[in-house]
């Protein structure tokens, strides 16, 4: 991604847009901006509890100075002066944070982020590059992660082979023993504790990989409810509940309320600002889906309503899910795909529009985009919509610009799957295998044989 399309924290972008828009009162967006700066400050203060090397330590020092400049910039007298200071500083901050994150998230000791971070911090502590508090903070987080692993193990234990269960129990014991052995007063014991945690995590990686593959299998399962992110989960819940007495629904209802429904709402929230809908249908589609989601939530709550019979409650949920699935089908028909444009100029512009829609790219990035990647003359109406957004900050212009752009670049037709095999030149029968036609039993003469026969 180029510098001008580097994504920023969502809470800072409204303030930058208000600064670049003459008619906006930027002070109305200041609280959100300062909250975002506070979050970034909390991040680097926590992360700098240990450093991998001198290069990383220097990055944290730069972050500290840049955050001080961000807080000072909001007191500059004019909007333009604030922009001139804030924009380059923010991009530098994000670049430094990304650099630190990318390096730390590399699997130095473990592909499990919480484990890797703790072991990195522990190794830094042994080299006197970490303070005690940094180790203890990560230890508490790792204990919570260990609880998640144990809960996941209990949930799938019955589906695993006995020898796998035995191995995973050994891994959990190593992990727990390492956590309990952490002692900053004894470096040798601390080193042994790190080794035990690492060994346990390596064994438990099987559980994580198995769970990931199991989730992928579930996601790929065909579901009668074509509901993004939650269709198979709701279908599974209905199928399991039908033969059970109502008093055994409690865990299933809790799962729908605390996992499946929030996942549905989160998926929809992400979709809303990441899909280019037919402009004149967008708000209608949104409202239809939102109302249908609310109906599903009420139907889930009614599973505990004793005024309804079990069959009535389940039929009610089933009906609301069918309505929601129909709303999503309508939404797909009223939208255009953009994934096929990655790596193209049009895809670059779509990336910018999506950034603006998700409040991660300020409007001031668009003039730089026009300069760095000049749009063709035939995009004139598309650019006009983008400029209209800069004039009034109404997101409808962005949706219209994206939809018009995608209409110019429809996705290619799906490739027709060609079965493996060959067509007999004599009788035209298609053969899936072999070198002799299964219909006329003639073995075709190869081109090379024909060439030699002459």
Protein backbone atom coordinates (compact mmCIF):
# COMPACT_ATOMS: atom_id res chain seq x y z
CA UNK A 1 0.00 0.00 0.00
CA UNK A 2 1.37 3.41 -0.85
CA UNK A 3 1.89 6.13 1.74
CA UNK A 4 -1.24 8.07 0.74
CA UNK A 5 -3.46 4.99 1.20
CA UNK A 6 -2.04 3.88 4.53
CA UNK A 7 -5.03 3.29 6.77
CA UNK A 8 -5.41 5.35 9.95
CA UNK A 9 -7.34 4.63 13.19
CA UNK A 10 -11.06 5.30 12.53
CA UNK A 11 -11.41 7.83 15.35
CA UNK A 12 -8.77 10.21 13.98
CA UNK A 13 -10.19 10.48 10.45
CA UNK A 14 -13.38 12.47 11.27
CA UNK A 15 -11.19 15.14 12.91
CA UNK A 16 -8.89 15.32 9.87
CA UNK A 17 -11.91 15.53 7.55
CA UNK A 18 -13.38 18.34 9.65
CA UNK A 19 -10.07 20.19 9.46
CA UNK A 20 -9.98 19.90 5.66
CA UNK A 21 -13.67 20.83 5.26
CA UNK A 22 -14.29 24.56 5.54
CA UNK A 23 -17.85 24.27 6.79
CA UNK A 24 -17.18 21.76 9.59
CA UNK A 25 -16.65 22.52 13.25
CA UNK A 26 -13.55 20.43 13.93
CA UNK A 27 -13.90 20.87 17.69
CA UNK A 28 -16.95 18.58 17.60
CA UNK A 29 -14.65 15.72 16.54
CA UNK A 30 -11.85 16.54 18.97
CA UNK A 31 -12.92 14.14 21.75
CA UNK A 32 -12.86 11.20 19.37
CA UNK A 33 -9.46 12.22 18.08
CA UNK A 34 -7.98 12.54 21.58
CA UNK A 35 -9.49 9.17 22.55
CA UNK A 36 -7.70 7.59 19.57
CA UNK A 37 -4.42 9.25 20.56
CA UNK A 38 -4.90 7.96 24.12
CA UNK A 39 -5.42 4.41 22.77
CA UNK A 40 -2.24 4.64 20.71
CA UNK A 41 -0.36 5.98 23.73
CA UNK A 42 -1.63 3.11 25.89
CA UNK A 43 -0.47 0.68 23.21
CA UNK A 44 3.10 1.89 22.96
CA UNK A 45 3.47 2.37 26.72
CA UNK A 46 2.45 -1.27 27.23
CA UNK A 47 4.59 -2.54 24.38
CA UNK A 48 7.74 -0.69 25.43
CA UNK A 49 7.81 -2.69 28.68
CA UNK A 50 10.40 -4.73 26.81
CA UNK A 51 12.48 -4.20 23.68
CA UNK A 52 14.00 -6.75 21.33
CA UNK A 53 17.06 -4.64 20.50
CA UNK A 54 18.39 -1.09 20.29
CA UNK A 55 16.65 -0.48 16.95
CA UNK A 56 13.25 -1.19 18.48
CA UNK A 57 14.07 0.92 21.53
CA UNK A 58 14.79 3.85 19.21
CA UNK A 59 11.40 3.36 17.55
CA UNK A 60 9.67 3.67 20.92
CA UNK A 61 11.57 6.88 21.64
CA UNK A 62 10.38 8.27 18.31
CA UNK A 63 6.81 7.24 19.13
CA UNK A 64 6.98 9.09 22.42
CA UNK A 65 8.11 12.30 20.71
CA UNK A 66 5.52 11.98 17.94
CA UNK A 67 2.67 11.50 20.43
CA UNK A 68 3.73 14.66 22.25
CA UNK A 69 3.65 16.52 18.92
CA UNK A 70 0.16 15.17 18.16
CA UNK A 71 -1.15 16.55 21.42
CA UNK A 72 0.52 19.91 20.82
CA UNK A 73 -0.72 20.21 17.23
CA UNK A 74 -4.39 20.53 18.20
CA UNK A 75 -3.60 23.93 19.78
CA UNK A 76 -2.22 25.45 16.58
CA UNK A 77 -4.36 28.45 15.56
CA UNK A 78 -5.57 27.45 12.08
CA UNK A 79 -7.02 24.32 10.54
CA UNK A 80 -4.32 24.20 7.88
CA UNK A 81 -1.52 24.48 10.41
CA UNK A 82 -3.01 21.59 12.35
CA UNK A 83 -3.32 19.48 9.20
CA UNK A 84 0.25 20.23 8.15
CA UNK A 85 1.50 18.93 11.50
CA UNK A 86 -0.97 16.13 12.21
CA UNK A 87 -1.01 14.29 8.90
CA UNK A 88 2.73 13.52 8.55
CA UNK A 89 3.02 12.79 12.28
CA UNK A 90 0.08 10.37 12.20
CA UNK A 91 1.48 8.51 9.21
CA UNK A 92 4.85 8.24 10.94
CA UNK A 93 3.19 6.93 14.10
CA UNK A 94 1.21 4.27 12.19
CA UNK A 95 4.31 3.25 10.21
CA UNK A 96 6.32 2.79 13.41
CA UNK A 97 3.51 0.87 15.13
CA UNK A 98 3.09 -1.38 12.09
CA UNK A 99 6.83 -2.02 11.99
CA UNK A 100 6.94 -3.00 15.67
CA UNK A 101 3.83 -5.17 15.34
CA UNK A 102 5.04 -7.00 12.26
CA UNK A 103 8.34 -7.85 13.89
CA UNK A 104 6.83 -9.00 17.17
CA UNK A 105 4.05 -11.00 15.54
CA UNK A 106 6.59 -13.06 13.59
CA UNK A 107 6.68 -16.54 15.22
CA UNK A 108 10.06 -16.16 16.95
CA UNK A 109 9.13 -18.80 19.54
CA UNK A 110 5.52 -19.72 18.78
CA UNK A 111 2.81 -19.01 16.18
CA UNK A 112 0.45 -18.38 19.13
CA UNK A 113 0.61 -14.61 19.67
CA UNK A 114 0.14 -14.59 23.46
CA UNK A 115 2.78 -17.29 23.90
CA UNK A 116 5.19 -15.66 21.48
CA UNK A 117 4.84 -12.26 23.17
CA UNK A 118 5.44 -13.71 26.64
CA UNK A 119 8.48 -15.70 25.51
CA UNK A 120 9.89 -12.66 23.71
CA UNK A 121 9.40 -10.61 26.85
CA UNK A 122 10.94 -13.37 28.99
CA UNK A 123 13.99 -13.59 26.73
CA UNK A 124 14.32 -9.79 26.89
CA UNK A 125 14.09 -9.91 30.71
CA UNK A 126 16.95 -12.41 30.86
CA UNK A 127 18.97 -9.91 28.77
CA UNK A 128 17.90 -7.05 31.10
CA UNK A 129 15.80 -5.47 28.31
CA UNK A 130 12.44 -5.83 30.12
CA UNK A 131 11.09 -4.67 33.45
CA UNK A 132 9.36 -6.97 35.92
CA UNK A 133 5.95 -5.38 35.36
CA UNK A 134 6.09 -6.17 31.63
CA UNK A 135 6.66 -9.86 32.41
CA UNK A 136 3.92 -10.00 35.04
CA UNK A 137 1.38 -8.22 32.82
CA UNK A 138 1.97 -10.72 30.04
CA UNK A 139 1.90 -13.59 32.52
CA UNK A 140 -1.65 -12.66 33.53
CA UNK A 141 -2.68 -12.46 29.89
CA UNK A 142 -1.07 -15.85 29.24
CA UNK A 143 -2.97 -17.40 32.14
CA UNK A 144 -6.20 -16.22 30.56
CA UNK A 145 -5.11 -17.70 27.25
CA UNK A 146 -4.34 -21.02 28.98
CA UNK A 147 -7.92 -21.04 30.26
CA UNK A 148 -9.20 -20.55 26.72
CA UNK A 149 -7.10 -23.48 25.51
CA UNK A 150 -8.34 -25.74 28.29
CA UNK A 151 -11.96 -24.77 27.58
CA UNK A 152 -11.43 -25.49 23.87
CA UNK A 153 -9.88 -28.86 24.71
CA UNK A 154 -12.81 -29.86 26.92
CA UNK A 155 -15.23 -28.86 24.15
CA UNK A 156 -13.69 -31.16 21.51
CA UNK A 157 -12.20 -33.90 23.70
CA UNK A 158 -14.91 -36.41 22.86
CA UNK A 159 -14.22 -36.04 19.13
CA UNK A 160 -10.50 -36.80 19.32
CA UNK A 161 -8.60 -40.09 19.32
CA UNK A 162 -7.52 -41.33 22.78
CA UNK A 163 -3.82 -40.98 21.96
CA UNK A 164 -4.39 -37.39 20.80
CA UNK A 165 -6.27 -36.61 24.02
CA UNK A 166 -3.39 -38.02 26.06
CA UNK A 167 -0.84 -35.94 24.15
CA UNK A 168 -2.86 -32.74 24.55
CA UNK A 169 -3.25 -33.35 28.27
CA UNK A 170 0.54 -33.60 28.50
CA UNK A 171 0.79 -30.29 26.64
CA UNK A 172 -1.69 -28.61 28.99
CA UNK A 173 0.22 -29.91 32.01
CA UNK A 174 3.53 -28.58 30.65
CA UNK A 175 1.90 -25.24 29.95
CA UNK A 176 0.33 -24.99 33.41
CA UNK A 177 3.53 -26.12 35.15
CA UNK A 178 5.49 -23.45 33.29
CA UNK A 179 3.06 -20.73 34.33
CA UNK A 180 3.19 -21.81 37.96
CA UNK A 181 6.99 -21.92 37.90
CA UNK A 182 7.51 -18.32 36.80
CA UNK A 183 9.71 -16.72 39.46
CA UNK A 184 11.55 -13.49 38.75
CA UNK A 185 13.70 -13.97 41.86
CA UNK A 186 15.34 -17.04 40.32
CA UNK A 187 16.59 -16.56 36.72
CA UNK A 188 17.40 -20.26 36.28
CA UNK A 189 13.92 -21.32 37.35
CA UNK A 190 12.44 -18.61 35.13
CA UNK A 191 14.42 -19.94 32.16
CA UNK A 192 13.10 -23.46 32.85
CA UNK A 193 9.56 -22.07 33.09
CA UNK A 194 9.91 -20.46 29.66
CA UNK A 195 11.09 -23.79 28.22
CA UNK A 196 8.11 -25.63 29.76
CA UNK A 197 5.63 -23.08 28.38
CA UNK A 198 7.21 -23.30 24.94
CA UNK A 199 7.11 -27.10 24.98
CA UNK A 200 3.49 -27.16 26.10
CA UNK A 201 2.51 -24.63 23.42
CA UNK A 202 4.16 -26.72 20.72
CA UNK A 203 2.07 -29.75 21.70
CA UNK A 204 -1.11 -27.67 21.95
CA UNK A 205 -0.59 -26.25 18.46
CA UNK A 206 -2.27 -29.42 17.18
CA UNK A 207 -5.45 -28.43 19.04
CA UNK A 208 -5.39 -24.95 17.52
CA UNK A 209 -4.79 -26.25 14.01
CA UNK A 210 -7.51 -28.88 14.40
CA UNK A 211 -10.00 -26.27 15.64
CA UNK A 212 -9.19 -23.94 12.76
CA UNK A 213 -9.74 -26.72 10.25
CA UNK A 214 -12.96 -27.71 12.00
CA UNK A 215 -14.25 -24.13 11.77
CA UNK A 216 -13.34 -24.07 8.09
CA UNK A 217 -15.25 -27.29 7.56
CA UNK A 218 -18.28 -25.83 9.31
CA UNK A 219 -18.06 -22.63 7.26
CA UNK A 220 -17.96 -24.64 4.04
CA UNK A 221 -20.96 -26.74 5.03
CA UNK A 222 -23.99 -26.04 2.93
CA UNK A 223 -26.66 -24.26 4.90
CA UNK A 224 -30.28 -23.67 4.05
CA UNK A 225 -29.80 -20.22 5.62
CA UNK A 226 -27.48 -18.20 3.38
CA UNK A 227 -26.61 -15.82 6.21
CA UNK A 228 -23.01 -14.53 6.25
CA UNK A 229 -21.01 -15.64 9.26
CA UNK A 230 -23.84 -17.39 11.08
CA UNK A 231 -25.99 -19.52 8.74
CA UNK A 232 -24.50 -22.93 9.61
CA UNK A 233 -24.47 -22.11 13.35
CA UNK A 234 -28.20 -21.30 13.41
CA UNK A 235 -29.07 -24.31 11.27
CA UNK A 236 -27.06 -26.58 13.56
CA UNK A 237 -28.81 -25.09 16.61
CA UNK A 238 -32.26 -25.76 15.14
CA UNK A 239 -31.39 -29.33 14.18
CA UNK A 240 -30.01 -30.08 17.63
CA UNK A 241 -32.90 -28.48 19.51
CA UNK A 242 -35.76 -30.26 17.68
CA UNK A 243 -35.38 -33.69 19.35
CA UNK A 244 -34.38 -32.33 22.78
CA UNK A 245 -36.71 -31.46 25.66
CA UNK A 246 -36.86 -27.75 26.33
CA UNK A 247 -35.02 -27.97 29.65
CA UNK A 248 -31.92 -29.05 27.71
CA UNK A 249 -31.89 -25.96 25.48
CA UNK A 250 -30.16 -23.70 27.99
CA UNK A 251 -26.61 -24.07 26.68
CA UNK A 252 -27.75 -23.80 23.08
CA UNK A 253 -29.70 -20.61 23.77
CA UNK A 254 -26.69 -19.11 25.54
CA UNK A 255 -24.52 -19.95 22.52
CA UNK A 256 -26.96 -18.24 20.15
CA UNK A 257 -27.18 -15.17 22.40
CA UNK A 258 -23.48 -14.78 23.20
CA UNK A 259 -21.72 -16.15 20.10
CA UNK A 260 -23.86 -16.67 16.99
CA UNK A 261 -25.96 -13.48 17.20
CA UNK A 262 -23.03 -11.12 18.01
CA UNK A 263 -21.10 -12.75 15.18
CA UNK A 264 -24.02 -12.10 12.83
CA UNK A 265 -24.22 -8.45 13.89
CA UNK A 266 -20.44 -7.96 13.59
CA UNK A 267 -20.44 -9.52 10.11
CA UNK A 268 -23.27 -7.26 9.00
CA UNK A 269 -21.59 -4.16 10.46
CA UNK A 270 -18.47 -4.93 8.45
CA UNK A 271 -20.42 -5.65 5.27
CA UNK A 272 -22.42 -2.43 5.34
CA UNK A 273 -19.43 -0.19 4.66
CA UNK A 274 -17.48 -2.63 2.50
CA UNK A 275 -19.97 -3.37 -0.29
CA UNK A 276 -21.07 -1.12 -3.13
CA UNK A 277 -24.82 -1.34 -3.38
CA UNK A 278 -27.13 -0.11 -6.10
CA UNK A 279 -27.41 3.54 -4.96
CA UNK A 280 -31.19 3.82 -5.12
CA UNK A 281 -31.68 0.55 -3.20
CA UNK A 282 -28.93 0.86 -0.58
CA UNK A 283 -30.91 2.31 2.31
CA UNK A 284 -33.88 0.04 1.64
CA UNK A 285 -31.63 -3.04 1.65
CA UNK A 286 -29.94 -1.92 4.85
CA UNK A 287 -33.23 -1.38 6.62
CA UNK A 288 -34.62 -4.74 5.50
CA UNK A 289 -31.57 -6.61 6.80
CA UNK A 290 -31.42 -4.67 10.07
CA UNK A 291 -35.10 -5.29 10.82
CA UNK A 292 -34.67 -8.98 9.98
CA UNK A 293 -31.71 -9.24 12.37
CA UNK A 294 -33.80 -7.68 15.13
CA UNK A 295 -36.53 -10.25 14.44
CA UNK A 296 -33.98 -13.06 14.74
CA UNK A 297 -32.80 -11.67 18.09
CA UNK A 298 -36.39 -11.58 19.37
CA UNK A 299 -36.94 -15.13 18.15
CA UNK A 300 -33.82 -16.31 20.00
CA UNK A 301 -35.11 -14.64 23.17
CA UNK A 302 -38.49 -16.36 22.64
CA UNK A 303 -36.84 -19.77 22.87
CA UNK A 304 -37.09 -19.24 26.62
CA UNK A 305 -40.67 -17.97 26.44
CA UNK A 306 -42.81 -20.61 28.14
CA UNK A 307 -45.96 -19.08 26.67
CA UNK A 308 -44.87 -20.65 23.37
CA UNK A 309 -44.68 -24.38 22.82
CA UNK A 310 -41.22 -25.71 21.86
CA UNK A 311 -42.36 -26.25 18.28
CA UNK A 312 -43.81 -22.73 18.08
CA UNK A 313 -40.59 -21.20 19.37
CA UNK A 314 -38.42 -23.15 16.93
CA UNK A 315 -40.77 -22.52 14.00
CA UNK A 316 -40.69 -18.82 14.81
CA UNK A 317 -36.87 -18.77 14.79
CA UNK A 318 -36.79 -20.78 11.58
CA UNK A 319 -39.15 -18.37 9.85
CA UNK A 320 -37.14 -15.29 10.89
CA UNK A 321 -33.94 -16.94 9.65
CA UNK A 322 -35.54 -17.67 6.28
CA UNK A 323 -36.63 -14.02 6.04
CA UNK A 324 -33.12 -12.82 6.90
CA UNK A 325 -31.56 -15.20 4.35
CA UNK A 326 -33.91 -13.81 1.70
CA UNK A 327 -32.87 -10.25 2.63
CA UNK A 328 -29.20 -11.15 2.21
CA UNK A 329 -29.93 -12.74 -1.18
CA UNK A 330 -31.62 -9.53 -2.25
CA UNK A 331 -28.61 -7.57 -0.98
CA UNK A 332 -26.22 -9.63 -3.10
CA UNK A 333 -28.34 -8.95 -6.17
CA UNK A 334 -28.19 -5.20 -5.42
CA UNK A 335 -24.40 -5.04 -5.06
CA UNK A 336 -21.29 -5.36 -7.21
CA UNK A 337 -18.13 -7.31 -6.44
CA UNK A 338 -14.71 -5.65 -6.43
CA UNK A 339 -12.31 -8.46 -5.47
CA UNK A 340 -11.37 -9.11 -9.12
CA UNK A 341 -9.90 -5.59 -9.40
CA UNK A 342 -7.06 -6.05 -6.91
CA UNK A 343 -3.80 -4.81 -8.34
CA UNK A 344 -5.43 -2.59 -10.98
CA UNK A 345 -5.92 1.17 -11.08
CA UNK A 346 -9.65 0.70 -10.55
CA UNK A 347 -8.88 -1.57 -7.58
CA UNK A 348 -6.62 1.13 -6.15
CA UNK A 349 -9.47 3.65 -6.33
CA UNK A 350 -11.89 1.12 -4.78
CA UNK A 351 -9.41 0.63 -1.94
CA UNK A 352 -9.44 4.38 -1.32
CA UNK A 353 -13.24 4.55 -1.39
CA UNK A 354 -13.49 1.68 1.08
CA UNK A 355 -11.00 3.42 3.36
CA UNK A 356 -13.09 6.58 3.31
CA UNK A 357 -16.31 4.63 3.94
CA UNK A 358 -14.74 2.87 6.93
CA UNK A 359 -13.28 6.11 8.33
CA UNK A 360 -9.71 4.88 7.93
CA UNK A 361 -8.71 7.20 5.07
CA UNK A 362 -9.20 10.98 5.19
CA UNK A 363 -10.52 12.87 2.18
CA UNK A 364 -7.20 14.67 1.76
CA UNK A 365 -5.75 11.36 0.48
CA UNK A 366 -7.87 11.62 -2.68
CA UNK A 367 -6.10 14.63 -4.26
CA UNK A 368 -2.83 12.76 -3.78
CA UNK A 369 -4.42 9.70 -5.37
CA UNK A 370 -5.58 11.75 -8.38
CA UNK A 371 -2.05 13.10 -8.77
CA UNK A 372 -0.24 9.80 -8.31
CA UNK A 373 -2.67 7.78 -10.44
CA UNK A 374 -4.51 10.17 -12.77
CA UNK A 375 -8.01 8.89 -13.58
CA UNK A 376 -9.00 8.42 -17.25
CA UNK A 377 -11.27 11.01 -18.80
CA UNK A 378 -14.17 8.53 -18.91
CA UNK A 379 -14.12 8.44 -15.08
CA UNK A 380 -15.21 12.07 -14.95
CA UNK A 381 -18.58 11.37 -13.30
CA UNK A 382 -16.95 9.06 -10.75
CA UNK A 383 -14.42 11.73 -9.76
CA UNK A 384 -17.24 14.28 -9.51
CA UNK A 385 -18.94 12.13 -6.87
CA UNK A 386 -15.69 11.88 -4.90
CA UNK A 387 -15.24 15.66 -5.03
CA UNK A 388 -18.85 16.10 -3.91
CA UNK A 389 -17.97 13.98 -0.87
CA UNK A 390 -15.13 16.39 -0.13
CA UNK A 391 -17.58 19.27 -0.30
CA UNK A 392 -20.18 17.95 2.15
CA UNK A 393 -18.73 14.69 3.61
CA UNK A 394 -21.92 12.77 2.71
CA UNK A 395 -21.00 9.09 2.25
CA UNK A 396 -23.71 8.55 -0.38
CA UNK A 397 -21.32 10.14 -2.90
CA UNK A 398 -18.71 7.46 -2.15
CA UNK A 399 -21.19 4.63 -2.66
CA UNK A 400 -22.28 6.13 -5.96
CA UNK A 401 -18.67 6.61 -7.10
CA UNK A 402 -17.82 3.01 -6.26
CA UNK A 403 -20.91 1.60 -7.93
CA UNK A 404 -20.29 3.57 -11.14
CA UNK A 405 -16.66 2.45 -11.19
CA UNK A 406 -17.58 -1.20 -10.70
CA UNK A 407 -20.18 -1.01 -13.45
CA UNK A 408 -17.29 -0.21 -15.80
CA UNK A 409 -15.35 -3.27 -14.67
CA UNK A 410 -17.70 -6.24 -14.18
CA UNK A 411 -16.11 -9.46 -12.94
CA UNK A 412 -15.13 -11.97 -15.63
CA UNK A 413 -17.50 -14.89 -16.13
CA UNK A 414 -16.64 -17.92 -14.01
CA UNK A 415 -14.28 -20.32 -15.70
CA UNK A 416 -16.08 -23.34 -17.04
CA UNK A 417 -14.77 -26.44 -15.38
CA UNK A 418 -13.33 -28.75 -18.01
CA UNK A 419 -13.24 -32.37 -16.89
CA UNK A 420 -9.97 -34.20 -17.36
CA UNK A 421 -9.88 -36.57 -20.31
CA UNK A 422 -9.87 -36.57 -24.12
CA UNK A 423 -12.31 -36.66 -27.02
CA UNK A 424 -11.97 -39.48 -29.51
CA UNK A 425 -11.17 -38.04 -32.98
CA UNK A 426 -13.06 -40.89 -34.64
CA UNK A 427 -16.41 -41.08 -32.86
CA UNK A 428 -16.21 -37.86 -30.76
CA UNK A 429 -16.90 -39.79 -27.52
CA UNK A 430 -15.40 -38.15 -24.41
CA UNK A 431 -13.15 -40.48 -22.43
CA UNK A 432 -12.20 -39.76 -18.83
CA UNK A 433 -9.19 -42.08 -18.83
CA UNK A 434 -7.20 -44.60 -20.83
CA UNK A 435 -5.55 -44.40 -24.24
CA UNK A 436 -8.18 -46.40 -26.16
CA UNK A 437 -11.71 -45.05 -26.77
CA UNK A 438 -14.23 -46.83 -24.57
CA UNK A 439 -16.93 -46.35 -27.24
CA UNK A 440 -15.30 -47.32 -30.57
CA UNK A 441 -12.21 -49.00 -29.06
CA UNK A 442 -9.84 -47.18 -31.43
CA UNK A 443 -6.53 -45.90 -30.09
CA UNK A 444 -5.91 -42.50 -31.75
CA UNK A 445 -2.59 -42.08 -33.55
CA UNK A 446 -0.48 -39.40 -31.91
CA UNK A 447 0.78 -36.41 -33.86
CA UNK A 448 4.34 -37.50 -33.33
CA UNK A 449 3.56 -40.98 -34.72
CA UNK A 450 1.94 -39.41 -37.79
CA UNK A 451 5.03 -37.28 -38.34
CA UNK A 452 7.32 -40.31 -38.21
CA UNK A 453 5.06 -42.43 -40.45
CA UNK A 454 5.58 -40.10 -43.41
